[in-house]
Amino acid sequence: MYDFFEEEELYSPANDEMSDSITQNWTQQAIECYYINSNCKRCSLSRGHYSFICQMPKVINSLLETVGPPQQEKRTA
């Protein structure tokens, strides 16, 4: 019935791995996190009661190293 899954290799990144795509550009969520100093109590996502471990502090560090801080005019938080 599900023969197509036998040929597919599923990959789930480990906690210390991040997708390259999320560390190339500042997203609105990354900008918010940056300006609230990664304070999860002030994060808009924390109100959604998501069941995942936030990787945004790691994303912020990577973005700062690769592209520098976000532009001030993009600030939304």
PDB file of N, CA and C in Angstrom:
ATOM      1  N   MET A   1       0.814  -1.198   0.000  1.00  0.00           N
ATOM      2  CA  MET A   1       0.000   0.000   0.000  1.00  0.00           C
ATOM      3  C   MET A   1       0.859   1.265   0.000  1.00  0.00           C
ATOM      4  N   TYR A   2       1.888   1.316   0.836  1.00  0.00           N
ATOM      5  CA  TYR A   2       2.746   2.493   0.916  1.00  0.00           C
ATOM      6  C   TYR A   2       4.143   2.187   0.411  1.00  0.00           C
ATOM      7  N   ASP A   3       4.245   1.516  -0.714  1.00  0.00           N
ATOM      8  CA  ASP A   3       5.533   1.112  -1.264  1.00  0.00           C
ATOM      9  C   ASP A   3       6.442   2.298  -1.578  1.00  0.00           C
ATOM     10  N   PHE A   4       5.854   3.444  -1.886  1.00  0.00           N
ATOM     11  CA  PHE A   4       6.673   4.593  -2.250  1.00  0.00           C
ATOM     12  C   PHE A   4       7.527   5.080  -1.085  1.00  0.00           C
ATOM     13  N   PHE A   5       7.149   4.790   0.153  1.00  0.00           N
ATOM     14  CA  PHE A   5       7.946   5.197   1.301  1.00  0.00           C
ATOM     15  C   PHE A   5       9.215   4.364   1.440  1.00  0.00           C
ATOM     16  N   GLU A   6       9.212   3.164   0.909  1.00  0.00           N
ATOM     17  CA  GLU A   6      10.383   2.303   1.030  1.00  0.00           C
ATOM     18  C   GLU A   6      11.596   2.901   0.333  1.00  0.00           C
ATOM     19  N   GLU A   7      11.389   3.657  -0.723  1.00  0.00           N
ATOM     20  CA  GLU A   7      12.491   4.239  -1.472  1.00  0.00           C
ATOM     21  C   GLU A   7      12.890   5.618  -0.953  1.00  0.00           C
ATOM     22  N   GLU A   8      12.027   6.229  -0.171  1.00  0.00           N
ATOM     23  CA  GLU A   8      12.299   7.556   0.356  1.00  0.00           C
ATOM     24  C   GLU A   8      13.103   7.460   1.644  1.00  0.00           C
ATOM     25  N   GLU A   9      14.063   8.336   1.784  1.00  0.00           N
ATOM     26  CA  GLU A   9      14.830   8.406   3.023  1.00  0.00           C
ATOM     27  C   GLU A   9      14.376   9.654   3.760  1.00  0.00           C
ATOM     28  N   LEU A  10      13.806   9.474   4.920  1.00  0.00           N
ATOM     29  CA  LEU A  10      13.329  10.606   5.704  1.00  0.00           C
ATOM     30  C   LEU A  10      14.460  11.144   6.555  1.00  0.00           C
ATOM     31  N   TYR A  11      14.528  12.450   6.660  1.00  0.00           N
ATOM     32  CA  TYR A  11      15.600  13.082   7.420  1.00  0.00           C
ATOM     33  C   TYR A  11      15.013  14.113   8.354  1.00  0.00           C
ATOM     34  N   SER A  12      15.358  14.022   9.587  1.00  0.00           N
ATOM     35  CA  SER A  12      14.952  14.997  10.588  1.00  0.00           C
ATOM     36  C   SER A  12      16.219  15.547  11.222  1.00  0.00           C
ATOM     37  N   PRO A  13      16.466  16.859  11.092  1.00  0.00           N
ATOM     38  CA  PRO A  13      17.707  17.402  11.637  1.00  0.00           C
ATOM     39  C   PRO A  13      17.799  17.240  13.150  1.00  0.00           C
ATOM     40  N   ALA A  14      18.991  16.989  13.615  1.00  0.00           N
ATOM     41  CA  ALA A  14      19.237  16.888  15.055  1.00  0.00           C
ATOM     42  C   ALA A  14      19.178  18.280  15.675  1.00  0.00           C
ATOM     43  N   ASN A  15      19.158  18.341  16.980  1.00  0.00           N
ATOM     44  CA  ASN A  15      19.047  19.625  17.678  1.00  0.00           C
ATOM     45  C   ASN A  15      20.177  20.589  17.337  1.00  0.00           C
ATOM     46  N   ASP A  16      21.371  20.070  17.027  1.00  0.00           N
ATOM     47  CA  ASP A  16      22.490  20.960  16.766  1.00  0.00           C
ATOM     48  C   ASP A  16      22.626  21.297  15.279  1.00  0.00           C
ATOM     49  N   GLU A  17      21.700  20.825  14.445  1.00  0.00           N
ATOM     50  CA  GLU A  17      21.745  21.100  13.017  1.00  0.00           C
ATOM     51  C   GLU A  17      20.615  22.046  12.637  1.00  0.00           C
ATOM     52  N   MET A  18      20.908  22.941  11.684  1.00  0.00           N
ATOM     53  CA  MET A  18      19.895  23.866  11.203  1.00  0.00           C
ATOM     54  C   MET A  18      19.905  23.863   9.690  1.00  0.00           C
ATOM     55  N   SER A  19      18.771  24.139   9.121  1.00  0.00           N
ATOM     56  CA  SER A  19      18.669  24.257   7.682  1.00  0.00           C
ATOM     57  C   SER A  19      19.431  25.495   7.224  1.00  0.00           C
ATOM     58  N   ASP A  20      20.177  25.367   6.133  1.00  0.00           N
ATOM     59  CA  ASP A  20      20.911  26.519   5.602  1.00  0.00           C
ATOM     60  C   ASP A  20      19.970  27.648   5.202  1.00  0.00           C
ATOM     61  N   SER A  21      18.768  27.308   4.768  1.00  0.00           N
ATOM     62  CA  SER A  21      17.843  28.331   4.283  1.00  0.00           C
ATOM     63  C   SER A  21      17.414  29.304   5.371  1.00  0.00           C
ATOM     64  N   ILE A  22      17.339  28.859   6.627  1.00  0.00           N
ATOM     65  CA  ILE A  22      16.898  29.769   7.684  1.00  0.00           C
ATOM     66  C   ILE A  22      18.032  30.598   8.256  1.00  0.00           C
ATOM     67  N   THR A  23      19.248  30.370   7.785  1.00  0.00           N
ATOM     68  CA  THR A  23      20.376  31.140   8.307  1.00  0.00           C
ATOM     69  C   THR A  23      20.992  32.041   7.239  1.00  0.00           C
ATOM     70  N   GLN A  24      20.235  32.302   6.159  1.00  0.00           N
ATOM     71  CA  GLN A  24      20.743  33.145   5.081  1.00  0.00           C
ATOM     72  C   GLN A  24      20.121  34.532   5.060  1.00  0.00           C
ATOM     73  N   ASN A  25      18.910  34.660   5.575  1.00  0.00           N
ATOM     74  CA  ASN A  25      18.199  35.936   5.553  1.00  0.00           C
ATOM     75  C   ASN A  25      17.421  36.128   6.840  1.00  0.00           C
ATOM     76  N   TRP A  26      17.255  37.383   7.209  1.00  0.00           N
ATOM     77  CA  TRP A  26      16.468  37.701   8.391  1.00  0.00           C
ATOM     78  C   TRP A  26      14.986  37.568   8.063  1.00  0.00           C
ATOM     79  N   THR A  27      14.280  36.699   8.791  1.00  0.00           N
ATOM     80  CA  THR A  27      12.829  36.589   8.672  1.00  0.00           C
ATOM     81  C   THR A  27      12.202  37.511   9.718  1.00  0.00           C
ATOM     82  N   GLN A  28      10.909  37.747   9.580  1.00  0.00           N
ATOM     83  CA  GLN A  28      10.225  38.580  10.572  1.00  0.00           C
ATOM     84  C   GLN A  28      10.345  37.973  11.967  1.00  0.00           C
ATOM     85  N   GLN A  29      10.236  36.641  12.056  1.00  0.00           N
ATOM     86  CA  GLN A  29      10.332  35.991  13.361  1.00  0.00           C
ATOM     87  C   GLN A  29      11.733  36.116  13.938  1.00  0.00           C
ATOM     88  N   ALA A  30      12.751  35.994  13.101  1.00  0.00           N
ATOM     89  CA  ALA A  30      14.132  36.139  13.567  1.00  0.00           C
ATOM     90  C   ALA A  30      14.397  37.564  14.037  1.00  0.00           C
ATOM     91  N   ILE A  31      13.851  38.526  13.317  1.00  0.00           N
ATOM     92  CA  ILE A  31      14.010  39.934  13.709  1.00  0.00           C
ATOM     93  C   ILE A  31      13.350  40.177  15.053  1.00  0.00           C
ATOM     94  N   GLU A  32      12.143  39.645  15.232  1.00  0.00           N
ATOM     95  CA  GLU A  32      11.455  39.798  16.514  1.00  0.00           C
ATOM     96  C   GLU A  32      12.305  39.204  17.633  1.00  0.00           C
ATOM     97  N   CYS A  33      12.804  38.004  17.424  1.00  0.00           N
ATOM     98  CA  CYS A  33      13.613  37.332  18.435  1.00  0.00           C
ATOM     99  C   CYS A  33      14.868  38.145  18.763  1.00  0.00           C
ATOM    100  N   TYR A  34      15.506  38.680  17.745  1.00  0.00           N
ATOM    101  CA  TYR A  34      16.717  39.478  17.935  1.00  0.00           C
ATOM    102  C   TYR A  34      16.430  40.696  18.824  1.00  0.00           C
ATOM    103  N   TYR A  35      15.347  41.404  18.541  1.00  0.00           N
ATOM    104  CA  TYR A  35      15.057  42.629  19.273  1.00  0.00           C
ATOM    105  C   TYR A  35      14.481  42.403  20.669  1.00  0.00           C
ATOM    106  N   ILE A  36      14.016  41.197  20.963  1.00  0.00           N
ATOM    107  CA  ILE A  36      13.568  40.901  22.328  1.00  0.00           C
ATOM    108  C   ILE A  36      14.640  40.098  23.073  1.00  0.00           C
ATOM    109  N   ASN A  37      15.839  40.055  22.483  1.00  0.00           N
ATOM    110  CA  ASN A  37      16.984  39.360  23.092  1.00  0.00           C
ATOM    111  C   ASN A  37      16.677  37.900  23.410  1.00  0.00           C
ATOM    112  N   SER A  38      15.979  37.241  22.500  1.00  0.00           N
ATOM    113  CA  SER A  38      15.640  35.820  22.635  1.00  0.00           C
ATOM    114  C   SER A  38      14.897  35.506  23.925  1.00  0.00           C
ATOM    115  N   ASN A  39      14.110  36.462  24.406  1.00  0.00           N
ATOM    116  CA  ASN A  39      13.321  36.279  25.616  1.00  0.00           C
ATOM    117  C   ASN A  39      12.010  35.601  25.232  1.00  0.00           C
ATOM    118  N   CYS A  40      11.922  34.309  25.447  1.00  0.00           N
ATOM    119  CA  CYS A  40      10.763  33.516  25.017  1.00  0.00           C
ATOM    120  C   CYS A  40       9.454  33.999  25.634  1.00  0.00           C
ATOM    121  N   LYS A  41       9.516  34.607  26.808  1.00  0.00           N
ATOM    122  CA  LYS A  41       8.293  35.108  27.450  1.00  0.00           C
ATOM    123  C   LYS A  41       7.682  36.265  26.666  1.00  0.00           C
ATOM    124  N   ARG A  42       8.489  36.948  25.869  1.00  0.00           N
ATOM    125  CA  ARG A  42       7.990  38.077  25.076  1.00  0.00           C
ATOM    126  C   ARG A  42       7.730  37.694  23.622  1.00  0.00           C
ATOM    127  N   CYS A  43       7.986  36.460  23.264  1.00  0.00           N
ATOM    128  CA  CYS A  43       7.876  35.998  21.879  1.00  0.00           C
ATOM    129  C   CYS A  43       6.420  35.769  21.484  1.00  0.00           C
ATOM    130  N   SER A  44       6.057  36.189  20.286  1.00  0.00           N
ATOM    131  CA  SER A  44       4.693  35.974  19.802  1.00  0.00           C
ATOM    132  C   SER A  44       4.400  34.492  19.582  1.00  0.00           C
ATOM    133  N   LEU A  45       5.398  33.694  19.272  1.00  0.00           N
ATOM    134  CA  LEU A  45       5.177  32.255  19.084  1.00  0.00           C
ATOM    135  C   LEU A  45       4.857  31.544  20.387  1.00  0.00           C
ATOM    136  N   SER A  46       5.358  32.052  21.496  1.00  0.00           N
ATOM    137  CA  SER A  46       5.124  31.369  22.768  1.00  0.00           C
ATOM    138  C   SER A  46       3.646  31.357  23.117  1.00  0.00           C
ATOM    139  N   ARG A  47       2.888  32.300  22.591  1.00  0.00           N
ATOM    140  CA  ARG A  47       1.447  32.338  22.854  1.00  0.00           C
ATOM    141  C   ARG A  47       0.697  31.281  22.059  1.00  0.00           C
ATOM    142  N   GLY A  48       1.368  30.650  21.091  1.00  0.00           N
ATOM    143  CA  GLY A  48       0.742  29.625  20.274  1.00  0.00           C
ATOM    144  C   GLY A  48       0.841  28.235  20.867  1.00  0.00           C
ATOM    145  N   HIS A  49       1.580  28.087  21.962  1.00  0.00           N
ATOM    146  CA  HIS A  49       1.737  26.798  22.652  1.00  0.00           C
ATOM    147  C   HIS A  49       2.194  25.699  21.696  1.00  0.00           C
ATOM    148  N   TYR A  50       3.231  25.988  20.932  1.00  0.00           N
ATOM    149  CA  TYR A  50       3.779  24.999  20.015  1.00  0.00           C
ATOM    150  C   TYR A  50       4.565  23.951  20.789  1.00  0.00           C
ATOM    151  N   SER A  51       4.628  22.759  20.250  1.00  0.00           N
ATOM    152  CA  SER A  51       5.321  21.668  20.935  1.00  0.00           C
ATOM    153  C   SER A  51       6.661  21.387  20.259  1.00  0.00           C
ATOM    154  N   PHE A  52       7.532  22.375  20.239  1.00  0.00           N
ATOM    155  CA  PHE A  52       8.862  22.181  19.687  1.00  0.00           C
ATOM    156  C   PHE A  52       9.862  22.948  20.529  1.00  0.00           C
ATOM    157  N   ILE A  53      11.102  22.554  20.414  1.00  0.00           N
ATOM    158  CA  ILE A  53      12.177  23.258  21.107  1.00  0.00           C
ATOM    159  C   ILE A  53      12.651  24.373  20.191  1.00  0.00           C
ATOM    160  N   CYS A  54      12.608  25.574  20.670  1.00  0.00           N
ATOM    161  CA  CYS A  54      12.967  26.733  19.861  1.00  0.00           C
ATOM    162  C   CYS A  54      14.460  26.722  19.521  1.00  0.00           C
ATOM    163  N   GLN A  55      14.741  26.866  18.254  1.00  0.00           N
ATOM    164  CA  GLN A  55      16.116  26.927  17.769  1.00  0.00           C
ATOM    165  C   GLN A  55      16.516  28.351  17.392  1.00  0.00           C
ATOM    166  N   MET A  56      15.602  29.310  17.630  1.00  0.00           N
ATOM    167  CA  MET A  56      15.840  30.667  17.161  1.00  0.00           C
ATOM    168  C   MET A  56      17.120  31.296  17.725  1.00  0.00           C
ATOM    169  N   PRO A  57      17.492  31.095  18.987  1.00  0.00           N
ATOM    170  CA  PRO A  57      18.764  31.673  19.442  1.00  0.00           C
ATOM    171  C   PRO A  57      19.960  31.216  18.604  1.00  0.00           C
ATOM    172  N   LYS A  58      19.959  29.948  18.180  1.00  0.00           N
ATOM    173  CA  LYS A  58      21.030  29.446  17.317  1.00  0.00           C
ATOM    174  C   LYS A  58      20.963  30.094  15.937  1.00  0.00           C
ATOM    175  N   VAL A  59      19.740  30.286  15.445  1.00  0.00           N
ATOM    176  CA  VAL A  59      19.549  30.937  14.149  1.00  0.00           C
ATOM    177  C   VAL A  59      20.059  32.370  14.214  1.00  0.00           C
ATOM    178  N   ILE A  60      19.737  33.080  15.294  1.00  0.00           N
ATOM    179  CA  ILE A  60      20.175  34.472  15.478  1.00  0.00           C
ATOM    180  C   ILE A  60      21.700  34.546  15.458  1.00  0.00           C
ATOM    181  N   ASN A  61      22.360  33.666  16.209  1.00  0.00           N
ATOM    182  CA  ASN A  61      23.827  33.658  16.236  1.00  0.00           C
ATOM    183  C   ASN A  61      24.408  33.422  14.853  1.00  0.00           C
ATOM    184  N   SER A  62      23.831  32.494  14.127  1.00  0.00           N
ATOM    185  CA  SER A  62      24.308  32.199  12.782  1.00  0.00           C
ATOM    186  C   SER A  62      24.096  33.385  11.849  1.00  0.00           C
ATOM    187  N   LEU A  63      22.929  34.009  11.923  1.00  0.00           N
ATOM    188  CA  LEU A  63      22.646  35.176  11.085  1.00  0.00           C
ATOM    189  C   LEU A  63      23.604  36.319  11.388  1.00  0.00           C
ATOM    190  N   LEU A  64      23.877  36.546  12.648  1.00  0.00           N
ATOM    191  CA  LEU A  64      24.809  37.614  13.019  1.00  0.00           C
ATOM    192  C   LEU A  64      26.194  37.357  12.446  1.00  0.00           C
ATOM    193  N   GLU A  65      26.606  36.094  12.432  1.00  0.00           N
ATOM    194  CA  GLU A  65      27.918  35.744  11.888  1.00  0.00           C
ATOM    195  C   GLU A  65      27.963  35.841  10.366  1.00  0.00           C
ATOM    196  N   THR A  66      26.877  35.462   9.698  1.00  0.00           N
ATOM    197  CA  THR A  66      26.904  35.393   8.232  1.00  0.00           C
ATOM    198  C   THR A  66      26.450  36.666   7.534  1.00  0.00           C
ATOM    199  N   VAL A  67      25.400  37.320   8.040  1.00  0.00           N
ATOM    200  CA  VAL A  67      24.883  38.512   7.345  1.00  0.00           C
ATOM    201  C   VAL A  67      24.894  39.773   8.189  1.00  0.00           C
ATOM    202  N   GLY A  68      25.228  39.658   9.466  1.00  0.00           N
ATOM    203  CA  GLY A  68      25.246  40.820  10.339  1.00  0.00           C
ATOM    204  C   GLY A  68      23.873  41.081  10.927  1.00  0.00           C
ATOM    205  N   PRO A  69      23.755  42.141  11.732  1.00  0.00           N
ATOM    206  CA  PRO A  69      22.472  42.441  12.383  1.00  0.00           C
ATOM    207  C   PRO A  69      21.415  42.857  11.363  1.00  0.00           C
ATOM    208  N   PRO A  70      20.130  42.716  11.727  1.00  0.00           N
ATOM    209  CA  PRO A  70      19.071  43.126  10.801  1.00  0.00           C
ATOM    210  C   PRO A  70      19.070  44.642  10.630  1.00  0.00           C
ATOM    211  N   GLN A  71      18.529  45.071   9.508  1.00  0.00           N
ATOM    212  CA  GLN A  71      18.416  46.507   9.258  1.00  0.00           C
ATOM    213  C   GLN A  71      17.356  47.085  10.181  1.00  0.00           C
ATOM    214  N   GLN A  72      17.636  48.226  10.761  1.00  0.00           N
ATOM    215  CA  GLN A  72      16.744  48.859  11.737  1.00  0.00           C
ATOM    216  C   GLN A  72      15.342  49.076  11.181  1.00  0.00           C
ATOM    217  N   GLU A  73      15.226  49.456   9.907  1.00  0.00           N
ATOM    218  CA  GLU A  73      13.900  49.758   9.358  1.00  0.00           C
ATOM    219  C   GLU A  73      13.015  48.525   9.226  1.00  0.00           C
ATOM    220  N   LYS A  74      13.569  47.319   9.343  1.00  0.00           N
ATOM    221  CA  LYS A  74      12.783  46.096   9.271  1.00  0.00           C
ATOM    222  C   LYS A  74      12.261  45.691  10.645  1.00  0.00           C
ATOM    223  N   ARG A  75      12.591  46.423  11.674  1.00  0.00           N
ATOM    224  CA  ARG A  75      12.210  46.048  13.030  1.00  0.00           C
ATOM    225  C   ARG A  75      10.694  46.033  13.170  1.00  0.00           C
ATOM    226  N   THR A  76      10.184  44.933  13.725  1.00  0.00           N
ATOM    227  CA  THR A  76       8.741  44.787  13.896  1.00  0.00           C
ATOM    228  C   THR A  76       8.354  44.539  15.341  1.00  0.00           C
ATOM    229  N   ALA A  77       9.284  44.205  16.182  1.00  0.00           N
ATOM    230  CA  ALA A  77       8.956  43.882  17.575  1.00  0.00           C
ATOM    231  C   ALA A  77       9.173  45.070  18.473  1.00  0.00           C
TER     232      ALA A  77
END
